[in-house]
């Protein structure tokens, strides 16, 4: 049969690699992007620590990184990636560009989520004697939690897309398997299975994210 030619252990290994790349990159992206997003928010116009110049510089830098297509970013960052990780191939060689590519994106989503918090929450917190820092961490962030979870969900899906794209330069995972066997060796069935698995993975991430957003929105 058509699918008898598929090496299912290879599919399992590729899926495991994709999950590893997505999970590690997502954690690092959140650790870097969340503070950047908060910084964008608090230095923006009308906020407690408004700094137009600082906001403009940070916003400009993040926009530059976001403007570069990820496949080009992979290639441009190769020398830096090799310097940091010792290789530009496999899981270890992809984590760094994944984090660089998604952190600015996530930071912008965080800024948007924080801006959607009712201004009255901030004013009430400050009126009760809370400092601007306490207001951000004890009032704004908890209020924006559903939006932040949605931002993490979207970023995780983008990472799935980017990991598949990294297969073009030997990044490992389902994208690499689909390109090496499905495209270069004309084994269409392998490419089809990889695509279906990626679709199912994205659906699972989106459903989980939606469930968490609904749960915390009701609280």
Foldseek 3Di string as FASTA:
>chain_A
DLCVPDDVVQQVQLAVQLVVLLVVLLVLLCVQQLVLLVVLQQCPPPHPNPDPVVNVVSLVVLVVLQVDPLLVLLVVCQVVLCVVQVHCAESSNVSVSLSSNLNSVLSNLSNVLLVPPDPVQLVVCVVVPDDSVCSVVVTRCLSSVLSNLVSSLVSSLVSSVSCLSSLVVRHGHLNVQCCVCVPPVVSVVSVVVSVVVSVVVNVVSVVVSVVVSVVSVVD
